[in-house]
């Protein structure tokens, strides 16, 4: 009985502690301590507002959905996470995709995480107080025999606790912090000794710290070229994997900034505290114009090397911009406009006003265009466009958020322009250097998407023998009753090389369960035939292929 009562008391204490930790910072503040919200207001319909100028967006704050990996409908792999020293299970550890950082599962009290993986892939395990671990997950594990991962406590990183204030009061809300290395010393706080598990864990931790999986952990590896910012909640801890001198820059959406230099000592497992006062930030204003003086609308202005908020200012119809909040000092700008040469401008004072930036037009040999999806003609951001001349190096660019691109064409003769976008069929065309602006439309690569958009029809079924057993590896052919042209003609007057039409063979092969799925763009009545029945009009299964529809349950007998 005493044991039961004692267990209830322990559970009550744990629950109370959890509720306290989950309470907002304002509720936890001791009596008499003021809190200042530095998050900034975000009106409905605005990506981010608060202390930002008009037409300026804090890109790090604007939420972008993570790209979830393809998952199975039920668990196909199991992972057991334990402490490397005690062997005890680690509960509440997050299991994420290593590349995208998407959380897939959390370990239970036994340290077990069921994973609905559609194929083997690299995973990362994240647990408070431990090093990040990389897991090459396989599909041969089970709930009874899970794949084992040993977590190593992080006793090497330097932990810096940052305390932000505003006018003497404690700051509450999101503060974005960036560190820039000021020296050439690349002293890593690397574990010593011969323990293979610890060495491997630190290598994985150092690698994953640079990847999306570590974006919410405030891990700083000291890379001089990294454009990384950490989001802290008023107070927060940053774990350094490297020692040296750094310049800390902090900013909030409410327009507050701070900047100072910090030194991380080359001492394993060190700790430090730093109080930082946030002050109103500076705003840089100016105009972007063409050589003849006319204003350039839709030009973007941002800091070279980035800033904590990821600020991007866009010029209005009059070419004006306002970029802030910025920390005081000299800054360099990167200016981009679709029809002009990218420009590095500066240095200029962060609080300067009326700055005039003149951009030069792109040369006449530039190829401009827009990449869109078919058939809805929506612009595709991040598509890769490659210009290739025989004997020359390829020129590669990516499309912007409006699907547009501009590349310097080499040579003076038509060359191959290749468009590649994830989830779409590659498209290629012969294009003249300096050709007029054109749209390059690509087709979906996934049959289900093509059917959904009415580009094709899908005929699904199975082949069985006289006993009703599935027949494996049998080719199935679609024979339309009328000879029709493909539903998607190529671009008229364009010298397309590939990807302008859906070139579907009208052929499918049964799988291990005898099932088949045949996609076609030749619609109307026709026959599904086995190889021996193609030339026999009276044989085969009569069916109608309808654009945008999937016909299921079709059965052929052999």
Protein backbone atom coordinates (compact mmCIF):
# COMPACT_ATOMS: atom_id res chain seq x y z
CA UNK A 1 0.00 0.00 0.00
CA UNK A 2 2.82 2.40 0.86
CA UNK A 3 4.44 1.66 -2.49
CA UNK A 4 1.21 2.54 -4.30
CA UNK A 5 0.83 5.82 -2.37
CA UNK A 6 4.47 6.67 -3.00
CA UNK A 7 4.00 6.04 -6.71
CA UNK A 8 0.96 8.32 -6.80
CA UNK A 9 2.91 11.08 -5.07
CA UNK A 10 5.77 10.77 -7.57
CA UNK A 11 3.34 10.90 -10.48
CA UNK A 12 1.70 14.02 -9.05
CA UNK A 13 5.06 15.74 -8.66
CA UNK A 14 6.07 14.85 -12.24
CA UNK A 15 2.74 16.09 -13.61
CA UNK A 16 3.03 19.35 -11.70
CA UNK A 17 6.54 19.87 -13.00
CA UNK A 18 5.39 19.22 -16.55
CA UNK A 19 2.57 21.76 -16.22
CA UNK A 20 4.98 24.34 -14.86
CA UNK A 21 7.39 23.80 -17.73
CA UNK A 22 4.56 24.10 -20.23
CA UNK A 23 3.34 27.46 -18.85
CA UNK A 24 4.16 30.63 -20.79
CA UNK A 25 7.14 32.70 -19.67
CA UNK A 26 4.85 35.49 -18.50
CA UNK A 27 3.22 33.14 -15.93
CA UNK A 28 6.61 31.92 -14.67
CA UNK A 29 8.07 35.38 -14.04
CA UNK A 30 8.61 36.15 -10.36
CA UNK A 31 6.46 38.87 -8.90
CA UNK A 32 7.82 42.34 -9.62
CA UNK A 33 9.69 41.42 -12.86
CA UNK A 34 8.36 43.07 -16.02
CA UNK A 35 8.17 41.19 -19.32
CA UNK A 36 8.38 42.88 -22.73
CA UNK A 37 6.96 41.01 -25.74
CA UNK A 38 9.45 41.15 -28.63
CA UNK A 39 7.53 38.89 -30.99
CA UNK A 40 5.61 41.63 -32.80
CA UNK A 41 2.03 41.53 -34.00
CA UNK A 42 1.05 39.54 -37.08
CA UNK A 43 -2.19 40.85 -38.62
CA UNK A 44 -4.38 38.41 -40.51
CA UNK A 45 -3.28 37.96 -44.11
CA UNK A 46 0.21 39.35 -43.50
CA UNK A 47 3.22 36.96 -43.60
CA UNK A 48 4.95 38.96 -40.87
CA UNK A 49 4.49 42.50 -39.60
CA UNK A 50 5.27 43.95 -36.17
CA UNK A 51 8.31 46.24 -36.40
CA UNK A 52 9.11 45.59 -40.07
CA UNK A 53 8.83 48.24 -42.81
CA UNK A 54 6.24 47.90 -45.55
CA UNK A 55 7.15 45.43 -48.32
CA UNK A 56 9.82 43.80 -46.12
CA UNK A 57 9.45 40.13 -45.17
CA UNK A 58 11.31 38.20 -42.47
CA UNK A 59 11.77 34.97 -44.42
CA UNK A 60 13.00 32.95 -41.43
CA UNK A 61 9.76 33.64 -39.58
CA UNK A 62 7.38 32.89 -42.44
CA UNK A 63 6.44 29.26 -41.92
CA UNK A 64 7.17 26.95 -44.84
CA UNK A 65 5.77 23.42 -44.64
CA UNK A 66 8.36 20.68 -44.47
CA UNK A 67 8.32 18.23 -47.34
CA UNK A 68 7.14 14.98 -45.79
CA UNK A 69 8.76 11.79 -47.10
CA UNK A 70 6.65 9.11 -48.72
CA UNK A 71 5.30 6.93 -45.91
CA UNK A 72 3.60 3.56 -45.66
CA UNK A 73 0.10 3.15 -44.28
CA UNK A 74 1.34 1.14 -41.27
CA UNK A 75 4.64 0.60 -39.39
CA UNK A 76 7.26 -1.23 -41.42
CA UNK A 77 10.29 -0.65 -39.18
CA UNK A 78 10.88 -0.34 -35.44
CA UNK A 79 13.61 1.56 -33.63
CA UNK A 80 14.70 1.14 -30.00
CA UNK A 81 16.57 4.10 -28.48
CA UNK A 82 18.68 3.59 -25.35
CA UNK A 83 21.25 5.44 -23.26
CA UNK A 84 24.76 4.31 -24.25
CA UNK A 85 25.95 4.16 -20.63
CA UNK A 86 23.02 2.83 -18.61
CA UNK A 87 21.28 0.93 -21.37
CA UNK A 88 17.96 2.38 -20.22
CA UNK A 89 15.34 3.32 -22.80
CA UNK A 90 15.16 6.98 -23.85
CA UNK A 91 11.51 8.05 -23.93
CA UNK A 92 10.24 11.03 -25.92
CA UNK A 93 13.08 11.03 -28.45
CA UNK A 94 12.04 12.35 -31.87
CA UNK A 95 12.79 10.24 -34.94
CA UNK A 96 13.09 12.47 -38.03
CA UNK A 97 14.00 12.19 -41.67
CA UNK A 98 17.66 13.18 -41.87
CA UNK A 99 17.32 15.25 -45.05
CA UNK A 100 14.09 17.16 -44.45
CA UNK A 101 13.98 17.12 -40.67
CA UNK A 102 10.31 16.02 -40.61
CA UNK A 103 9.33 14.28 -37.37
CA UNK A 104 8.06 10.76 -38.08
CA UNK A 105 7.58 9.29 -34.60
CA UNK A 106 8.47 9.58 -30.90
CA UNK A 107 9.80 6.83 -28.68
CA UNK A 108 7.52 5.45 -25.96
CA UNK A 109 8.46 4.56 -22.37
CA UNK A 110 10.25 1.47 -23.65
CA UNK A 111 12.26 3.61 -26.09
CA UNK A 112 10.41 2.08 -29.06
CA UNK A 113 9.33 4.08 -32.12
CA UNK A 114 7.22 2.40 -34.86
CA UNK A 115 8.03 3.89 -38.28
CA UNK A 116 5.81 3.76 -41.40
CA UNK A 117 8.67 3.78 -43.91
CA UNK A 118 7.93 2.98 -47.55
CA UNK A 119 11.62 2.27 -48.24
CA UNK A 120 14.95 2.21 -46.35
CA UNK A 121 16.15 5.71 -45.55
CA UNK A 122 18.47 7.79 -43.37
CA UNK A 123 16.87 8.92 -40.11
CA UNK A 124 18.03 11.11 -37.24
CA UNK A 125 17.24 10.69 -33.55
CA UNK A 126 16.86 13.86 -31.46
CA UNK A 127 16.69 13.71 -27.66
CA UNK A 128 17.20 16.48 -25.10
CA UNK A 129 20.73 16.46 -23.68
CA UNK A 130 22.08 13.93 -26.17
CA UNK A 131 24.12 14.09 -29.35
CA UNK A 132 22.19 13.71 -32.60
CA UNK A 133 22.41 10.20 -34.02
CA UNK A 134 22.19 9.10 -37.64
CA UNK A 135 20.27 5.89 -38.28
CA UNK A 136 20.30 4.05 -41.63
CA UNK A 137 16.86 2.53 -41.07
CA UNK A 138 16.03 -0.80 -42.71
CA UNK A 139 12.72 -2.56 -43.24
CA UNK A 140 13.83 -5.89 -41.72
CA UNK A 141 13.18 -4.91 -38.07
CA UNK A 142 10.06 -5.71 -36.04
CA UNK A 143 8.40 -4.81 -32.77
CA UNK A 144 9.97 -7.93 -31.23
CA UNK A 145 13.43 -7.32 -32.77
CA UNK A 146 13.78 -3.53 -33.25
CA UNK A 147 16.82 -1.78 -34.68
CA UNK A 148 18.99 -0.49 -31.82
CA UNK A 149 20.35 3.05 -31.46
CA UNK A 150 22.54 4.14 -28.55
CA UNK A 151 22.35 7.78 -27.50
CA UNK A 152 25.43 9.57 -26.09
CA UNK A 153 25.04 12.42 -23.60
CA UNK A 154 26.49 15.68 -24.88
CA UNK A 155 29.32 16.44 -22.46
CA UNK A 156 31.56 18.29 -24.95
CA UNK A 157 29.62 21.23 -26.39
CA UNK A 158 29.96 24.66 -24.79
CA UNK A 159 26.54 25.75 -23.53
CA UNK A 160 25.90 29.49 -23.64
CA UNK A 161 22.76 30.78 -21.93
CA UNK A 162 21.50 34.04 -23.45
CA UNK A 163 19.26 36.43 -21.50
CA UNK A 164 17.61 39.22 -23.51
CA UNK A 165 16.29 42.45 -22.01
CA UNK A 166 14.41 45.51 -23.30
CA UNK A 167 14.86 48.77 -21.35
CA UNK A 168 15.86 46.77 -18.27
CA UNK A 169 12.90 44.38 -18.46
CA UNK A 170 13.07 40.72 -19.41
CA UNK A 171 12.30 40.03 -23.09
CA UNK A 172 9.52 37.57 -23.84
CA UNK A 173 8.96 35.99 -27.24
CA UNK A 174 11.05 34.95 -30.21
CA UNK A 175 14.55 36.34 -30.60
CA UNK A 176 16.49 35.26 -33.71
CA UNK A 177 20.25 35.00 -33.23
CA UNK A 178 23.08 34.58 -35.75
CA UNK A 179 26.79 33.99 -35.11
CA UNK A 180 29.64 34.94 -37.49
CA UNK A 181 33.16 33.64 -36.90
CA UNK A 182 35.70 36.48 -36.53
CA UNK A 183 38.93 34.45 -36.45
CA UNK A 184 40.46 31.68 -38.50
CA UNK A 185 40.82 29.30 -35.57
CA UNK A 186 38.73 26.22 -36.20
CA UNK A 187 38.97 24.63 -32.77
CA UNK A 188 36.36 21.91 -32.50
CA UNK A 189 35.33 20.72 -29.06
CA UNK A 190 35.97 17.13 -30.14
CA UNK A 191 35.83 14.21 -27.68
CA UNK A 192 39.15 12.55 -26.88
CA UNK A 193 39.81 8.88 -26.16
CA UNK A 194 39.29 5.64 -28.02
CA UNK A 195 35.59 5.01 -27.42
CA UNK A 196 34.26 4.11 -30.89
CA UNK A 197 30.63 4.79 -29.98
CA UNK A 198 31.43 8.32 -28.74
CA UNK A 199 33.61 9.13 -31.75
CA UNK A 200 30.93 7.95 -34.18
CA UNK A 201 28.21 9.81 -32.28
CA UNK A 202 30.18 13.09 -32.37
CA UNK A 203 30.82 12.74 -36.13
CA UNK A 204 27.12 12.18 -36.76
CA UNK A 205 26.20 15.05 -34.44
CA UNK A 206 28.57 17.45 -36.24
CA UNK A 207 27.15 16.48 -39.64
CA UNK A 208 23.48 16.61 -38.64
CA UNK A 209 23.94 19.96 -36.89
CA UNK A 210 24.28 21.54 -40.36
CA UNK A 211 21.15 19.81 -41.71
CA UNK A 212 17.45 20.68 -41.24
CA UNK A 213 17.11 18.12 -38.47
CA UNK A 214 19.13 20.44 -36.18
CA UNK A 215 17.29 23.66 -37.07
CA UNK A 216 15.33 23.87 -33.79
CA UNK A 217 18.18 22.84 -31.47
CA UNK A 218 20.35 26.00 -31.58
CA UNK A 219 23.53 24.12 -32.51
CA UNK A 220 26.44 26.29 -33.68
CA UNK A 221 29.34 24.57 -35.45
CA UNK A 222 31.31 27.73 -36.25
CA UNK A 223 31.23 27.31 -40.01
CA UNK A 224 32.39 30.64 -41.52
CA UNK A 225 30.05 30.30 -44.53
CA UNK A 226 26.89 29.06 -42.81
CA UNK A 227 23.81 31.27 -43.12
CA UNK A 228 22.07 29.92 -40.04
CA UNK A 229 19.98 31.65 -37.39
CA UNK A 230 18.65 30.23 -34.11
CA UNK A 231 15.22 30.99 -32.67
CA UNK A 232 15.28 31.49 -28.92
CA UNK A 233 12.34 32.10 -26.60
CA UNK A 234 13.39 35.28 -24.76
CA UNK A 235 16.02 33.32 -22.86
CA UNK A 236 17.65 30.40 -24.60
CA UNK A 237 20.67 28.14 -24.80
CA UNK A 238 23.03 27.74 -27.76
CA UNK A 239 25.32 24.72 -27.91
CA UNK A 240 28.68 25.41 -29.59
CA UNK A 241 30.58 22.60 -31.28
CA UNK A 242 33.58 24.89 -31.89
CA UNK A 243 35.58 27.45 -29.92
CA UNK A 244 36.74 30.89 -31.06
CA UNK A 245 35.60 34.49 -31.47
CA UNK A 246 32.12 35.15 -32.87
CA UNK A 247 29.99 38.17 -33.65
CA UNK A 248 26.50 37.73 -32.27
CA UNK A 249 23.64 39.55 -34.00
CA UNK A 250 20.10 39.31 -32.64
CA UNK A 251 16.81 40.67 -33.98
CA UNK A 252 13.08 40.46 -33.30
CA UNK A 253 9.99 40.96 -35.44
CA UNK A 254 9.10 43.90 -33.19
CA UNK A 255 12.09 45.82 -34.56
CA UNK A 256 14.65 45.28 -31.77
CA UNK A 257 18.28 44.35 -32.43
CA UNK A 258 21.56 43.74 -30.63
CA UNK A 259 25.15 43.04 -31.64
CA UNK A 260 28.23 42.06 -29.64
CA UNK A 261 31.33 39.88 -29.83
CA UNK A 262 31.61 36.68 -27.79
CA UNK A 263 34.50 34.31 -27.10
CA UNK A 264 33.92 30.56 -26.72
CA UNK A 265 36.83 29.04 -24.79
CA UNK A 266 38.49 25.84 -26.01
CA UNK A 267 37.33 23.97 -22.91
CA UNK A 268 35.33 20.78 -23.18
CA UNK A 269 31.86 21.00 -21.65
CA UNK A 270 32.08 24.68 -20.69
CA UNK A 271 29.14 26.87 -19.69
CA UNK A 272 28.57 30.63 -19.76
CA UNK A 273 25.79 33.21 -19.33
CA UNK A 274 25.35 36.42 -21.28
CA UNK A 275 22.80 39.21 -20.83
CA UNK A 276 22.04 41.20 -23.98
CA UNK A 277 20.06 44.44 -24.23
CA UNK A 278 17.82 44.74 -27.29
CA UNK A 279 17.55 48.23 -28.79
CA UNK A 280 15.45 49.69 -31.64
CA UNK A 281 17.02 48.71 -34.97
CA UNK A 282 18.07 50.94 -37.85
CA UNK A 283 16.24 51.12 -41.18
CA UNK A 284 18.02 51.51 -44.51
CA UNK A 285 15.96 53.26 -47.22
CA UNK A 286 16.60 54.00 -50.86
CA UNK A 287 15.56 53.54 -54.48
CA UNK A 288 16.51 51.04 -57.17
CA UNK A 289 16.67 52.48 -60.68
CA UNK A 290 17.75 51.63 -64.23
CA UNK A 291 20.65 53.48 -65.94
CA UNK A 292 18.22 56.00 -67.46
CA UNK A 293 16.84 56.76 -64.00
CA UNK A 294 13.43 55.13 -64.27
CA UNK A 295 12.43 53.19 -61.12
CA UNK A 296 12.57 49.40 -61.01
CA UNK A 297 9.63 47.72 -59.31
CA UNK A 298 9.85 44.20 -57.82
CA UNK A 299 13.61 44.37 -57.17
CA UNK A 300 14.68 42.58 -53.99
CA UNK A 301 17.20 43.97 -51.51
CA UNK A 302 18.82 41.93 -48.72
CA UNK A 303 22.04 41.80 -46.71
CA UNK A 304 24.97 39.92 -48.17
CA UNK A 305 25.61 36.96 -45.90
CA UNK A 306 22.13 37.15 -44.41
CA UNK A 307 20.80 38.46 -41.13
CA UNK A 308 18.95 36.84 -38.18
CA UNK A 309 15.46 37.48 -39.58
CA UNK A 310 16.30 36.75 -43.23
CA UNK A 311 15.01 40.18 -44.29
CA UNK A 312 14.04 40.71 -47.93
CA UNK A 313 12.74 44.11 -49.05
CA UNK A 314 10.88 44.43 -52.35
CA UNK A 315 10.69 47.70 -54.24
CA UNK A 316 7.31 49.20 -55.05
CA UNK A 317 6.14 50.90 -58.25
CA UNK A 318 8.40 53.87 -57.50
CA UNK A 319 11.47 51.70 -56.93
CA UNK A 320 11.61 52.56 -53.22
CA UNK A 321 12.57 50.09 -50.48
CA UNK A 322 13.05 50.07 -46.72
CA UNK A 323 15.12 47.32 -45.08
CA UNK A 324 15.17 46.79 -41.32
CA UNK A 325 15.56 46.29 -38.42
CA UNK A 326 19.34 46.28 -38.82
CA UNK A 327 22.12 46.35 -36.26
CA UNK A 328 24.21 49.58 -36.42
CA UNK A 329 27.33 49.63 -38.58
CA UNK A 330 28.33 49.17 -42.21
CA UNK A 331 26.46 46.66 -44.38
CA UNK A 332 26.67 45.34 -47.92
CA UNK A 333 23.57 44.66 -49.98
CA UNK A 334 22.64 42.09 -52.59
CA UNK A 335 20.16 43.51 -55.11
CA UNK A 336 18.30 41.38 -57.66
CA UNK A 337 15.90 42.26 -60.45
CA UNK A 338 14.59 39.87 -63.04
CA UNK A 339 15.67 41.90 -66.07
CA UNK A 340 18.96 43.27 -64.68
CA UNK A 341 22.39 42.10 -63.58
CA UNK A 342 22.58 41.01 -59.91
CA UNK A 343 24.40 43.71 -57.95
CA UNK A 344 26.54 43.78 -54.81
CA UNK A 345 26.21 47.28 -53.34
CA UNK A 346 28.06 48.94 -50.47
CA UNK A 347 29.35 49.27 -47.91
CA UNK A 348 26.69 51.66 -46.68
CA UNK A 349 25.57 52.71 -43.20
CA UNK A 350 22.72 50.58 -41.82
CA UNK A 351 20.72 53.73 -40.99
CA UNK A 352 21.32 55.54 -44.30
CA UNK A 353 18.40 57.17 -46.11
CA UNK A 354 17.82 57.96 -49.77
CA UNK A 355 20.40 55.47 -51.07
CA UNK A 356 20.30 55.31 -54.88
CA UNK A 357 21.12 51.94 -56.45
CA UNK A 358 21.56 51.76 -60.22
CA UNK A 359 21.30 48.38 -61.93
CA UNK A 360 22.53 47.38 -65.40
CA UNK A 361 20.25 45.52 -67.87
CA UNK A 362 21.00 41.94 -68.76
CA UNK A 363 22.77 41.50 -72.13
CA UNK A 364 20.73 40.68 -75.23
CA UNK A 365 21.95 37.06 -75.30
CA UNK A 366 20.09 36.24 -72.12
CA UNK A 367 17.33 33.62 -72.40
CA UNK A 368 14.29 34.47 -70.27
CA UNK A 369 11.24 32.40 -69.55
CA UNK A 370 8.81 30.92 -67.09
CA UNK A 371 8.29 27.30 -66.05
CA UNK A 372 4.70 26.21 -65.46
CA UNK A 373 2.86 22.98 -64.73
CA UNK A 374 0.44 21.48 -67.22
CA UNK A 375 -2.48 21.63 -67.57
CA UNK A 376 -3.22 24.18 -64.78
CA UNK A 377 -0.36 26.50 -65.88
CA UNK A 378 0.79 27.26 -62.33
CA UNK A 379 4.35 28.65 -61.95
CA UNK A 380 6.92 26.24 -60.51
CA UNK A 381 9.48 27.59 -58.06
CA UNK A 382 12.92 25.96 -57.86
CA UNK A 383 12.82 24.25 -61.26
CA UNK A 384 16.29 23.68 -62.76
CA UNK A 385 16.91 25.17 -66.22
CA UNK A 386 20.06 24.06 -68.08
CA UNK A 387 21.50 25.62 -71.25
CA UNK A 388 23.87 23.26 -73.07
CA UNK A 389 26.04 24.07 -76.10
CA UNK A 390 28.07 21.34 -77.83
CA UNK A 391 31.60 21.48 -76.47
CA UNK A 392 30.73 24.10 -73.84
CA UNK A 393 30.07 23.98 -70.12
CA UNK A 394 26.36 23.91 -69.19
CA UNK A 395 24.77 27.04 -67.68
CA UNK A 396 22.33 26.25 -64.87
CA UNK A 397 19.80 28.47 -63.05
CA UNK A 398 16.73 27.94 -60.86
CA UNK A 399 13.33 29.55 -61.23
CA UNK A 400 12.13 32.14 -58.72
CA UNK A 401 8.86 32.12 -56.76
CA UNK A 402 7.00 33.18 -59.93
CA UNK A 403 8.54 30.36 -61.97
CA UNK A 404 10.72 32.81 -63.92
CA UNK A 405 14.35 32.42 -64.95
CA UNK A 406 17.03 34.33 -66.85
CA UNK A 407 20.31 32.78 -67.93
CA UNK A 408 23.31 33.94 -69.95
CA UNK A 409 23.19 32.00 -73.19
CA UNK A 410 26.59 30.95 -74.56
CA UNK A 411 27.36 30.63 -78.25
CA UNK A 412 25.51 32.20 -81.18
CA UNK A 413 23.50 29.20 -82.43
CA UNK A 414 20.37 27.45 -81.14
CA UNK A 415 21.13 25.16 -78.20
CA UNK A 416 19.36 22.67 -75.98
CA UNK A 417 17.37 24.17 -73.09
CA UNK A 418 16.44 21.52 -70.52
CA UNK A 419 13.83 22.07 -67.80
CA UNK A 420 13.71 19.73 -64.80
CA UNK A 421 11.30 20.03 -61.87
CA UNK A 422 10.61 17.55 -59.10
CA UNK A 423 7.47 15.56 -59.85
CA UNK A 424 7.39 16.54 -63.55
CA UNK A 425 8.56 15.06 -66.84
CA UNK A 426 11.81 16.64 -68.13
CA UNK A 427 11.26 19.06 -71.00
CA UNK A 428 13.82 20.05 -73.66
CA UNK A 429 13.70 22.46 -76.57
CA UNK A 430 16.07 24.06 -79.09
CA UNK A 431 16.20 27.77 -78.26
CA UNK A 432 17.96 30.73 -79.90
CA UNK A 433 20.27 32.89 -77.73
CA UNK A 434 18.37 36.06 -76.84
CA UNK A 435 15.01 34.49 -77.76
CA UNK A 436 11.88 36.36 -76.58
CA UNK A 437 10.36 35.51 -73.20
CA UNK A 438 8.51 32.17 -73.42
CA UNK A 439 6.61 29.79 -71.19
CA UNK A 440 8.03 26.29 -70.76
CA UNK A 441 5.24 24.00 -69.55
CA UNK A 442 6.00 20.60 -68.04
CA UNK A 443 3.82 17.54 -67.53
CA UNK A 444 3.30 15.67 -64.23
CA UNK A 445 5.51 12.60 -63.90
CA UNK A 446 3.20 10.66 -61.56
CA UNK A 447 0.38 8.69 -63.27
CA UNK A 448 -2.09 9.31 -60.42
CA UNK A 449 -1.54 13.08 -60.73
CA UNK A 450 -1.98 12.96 -64.51
CA UNK A 451 -5.27 11.12 -64.11
CA UNK A 452 -6.44 13.53 -61.42
CA UNK A 453 -5.77 16.45 -63.79
CA UNK A 454 -7.58 14.77 -66.68
CA UNK A 455 -4.49 14.19 -68.78
CA UNK A 456 -4.79 10.41 -68.96
CA UNK A 457 -6.91 7.42 -67.98
CA UNK A 458 -5.88 4.45 -65.84
CA UNK A 459 -7.06 0.89 -66.38
CA UNK A 460 -6.40 -1.40 -63.40
CA UNK A 461 -7.05 -5.07 -62.87
CA UNK A 462 -5.49 -8.52 -62.73
CA UNK A 463 -4.73 -11.55 -64.93
CA UNK A 464 -5.72 -14.97 -63.62
CA UNK A 465 -5.48 -18.50 -64.97
CA UNK A 466 -8.27 -21.06 -65.38
CA UNK A 467 -8.11 -21.82 -61.63
CA UNK A 468 -8.38 -18.18 -60.68
CA UNK A 469 -4.71 -17.93 -59.63
CA UNK A 470 -2.73 -14.75 -60.44
CA UNK A 471 -0.43 -14.87 -63.47
CA UNK A 472 2.89 -13.07 -62.99
CA UNK A 473 4.90 -11.20 -65.62
CA UNK A 474 2.33 -11.16 -68.41
CA UNK A 475 2.28 -8.09 -70.75
CA UNK A 476 -1.09 -6.36 -71.20
CA UNK A 477 -1.77 -4.09 -74.18
CA UNK A 478 -4.41 -1.41 -74.73
CA UNK A 479 -5.85 -1.47 -78.27
CA UNK A 480 -8.18 1.50 -78.92
CA UNK A 481 -10.92 0.86 -81.45
CA UNK A 482 -10.30 4.20 -83.15
CA UNK A 483 -6.86 5.54 -84.11
CA UNK A 484 -6.64 8.89 -82.37
CA UNK A 485 -3.86 11.42 -81.93
CA UNK A 486 -2.36 11.87 -78.45
CA UNK A 487 -4.48 14.11 -76.24
CA UNK A 488 -1.58 16.50 -75.66
CA UNK A 489 -0.05 17.88 -78.87
CA UNK A 490 3.38 19.48 -78.73
CA UNK A 491 3.91 23.23 -78.66
CA UNK A 492 3.05 24.56 -82.13
CA UNK A 493 5.99 26.24 -83.85
CA UNK A 494 8.43 25.23 -81.09
CA UNK A 495 11.41 22.94 -81.68
CA UNK A 496 10.70 20.60 -78.79
CA UNK A 497 13.05 17.69 -78.17
CA UNK A 498 11.33 15.86 -75.31
CA UNK A 499 8.57 16.22 -72.75
CA UNK A 500 6.02 18.06 -74.91
CA UNK A 501 3.64 15.08 -75.10
CA UNK A 502 2.85 12.10 -72.94
CA UNK A 503 4.54 9.29 -74.80
CA UNK A 504 2.79 6.34 -73.15
CA UNK A 505 3.36 2.85 -74.60
CA UNK A 506 -0.12 1.51 -73.90
CA UNK A 507 1.53 -1.50 -72.31
CA UNK A 508 1.74 -2.87 -68.75
CA UNK A 509 3.07 -6.04 -67.09
CA UNK A 510 1.47 -7.93 -64.23
CA UNK A 511 3.24 -7.95 -60.87
CA UNK A 512 3.74 -10.70 -58.30
CA UNK A 513 0.04 -10.62 -57.43
CA UNK A 514 -1.06 -10.69 -61.08
CA UNK A 515 -2.19 -7.06 -60.92
CA UNK A 516 -1.60 -4.42 -63.59
CA UNK A 517 -2.14 -0.68 -64.02
CA UNK A 518 -2.13 0.61 -67.59
CA UNK A 519 -2.16 4.35 -68.30
CA UNK A 520 -3.22 5.78 -71.65
CA UNK A 521 -3.95 9.08 -73.37
CA UNK A 522 -5.93 7.37 -76.14
CA UNK A 523 -9.48 7.62 -74.88
CA UNK A 524 -12.71 5.94 -75.91
CA UNK A 525 -13.67 2.31 -76.50
CA UNK A 526 -10.99 -0.31 -76.84
CA UNK A 527 -9.70 -3.72 -75.77
CA UNK A 528 -7.34 -4.89 -73.05
CA UNK A 529 -5.49 -7.82 -74.61
CA UNK A 530 -3.00 -10.52 -73.78
CA UNK A 531 -0.16 -10.82 -76.34
CA UNK A 532 -1.85 -13.57 -78.36
CA UNK A 533 -5.14 -11.62 -78.61
CA UNK A 534 -3.91 -8.33 -80.05
CA UNK A 535 -4.76 -9.26 -83.66
CA UNK A 536 -7.99 -11.03 -82.77
CA UNK A 537 -10.73 -8.33 -82.62
CA UNK A 538 -13.21 -10.68 -80.97
CA UNK A 539 -10.91 -11.46 -78.06
CA UNK A 540 -9.81 -9.44 -75.06
CA UNK A 541 -11.77 -7.32 -72.57
CA UNK A 542 -13.87 -4.46 -73.94
CA UNK A 543 -13.55 -1.31 -71.85
CA UNK A 544 -13.82 2.45 -72.23
CA UNK A 545 -10.90 4.71 -71.28
CA UNK A 546 -12.20 8.04 -70.00
CA UNK A 547 -9.92 11.03 -69.40
CA UNK A 548 -9.48 11.73 -65.70
CA UNK A 549 -10.95 8.38 -64.57
CA UNK A 550 -9.52 5.17 -63.12
CA UNK A 551 -11.26 1.89 -63.99
CA UNK A 552 -10.67 -0.75 -61.32
CA UNK A 553 -11.54 -4.43 -61.01
CA UNK A 554 -10.81 -5.42 -64.62
CA UNK A 555 -10.06 -9.14 -64.99
CA UNK A 556 -8.38 -10.94 -67.87
CA UNK A 557 -8.27 -14.73 -68.00
CA UNK A 558 -5.41 -16.63 -69.54
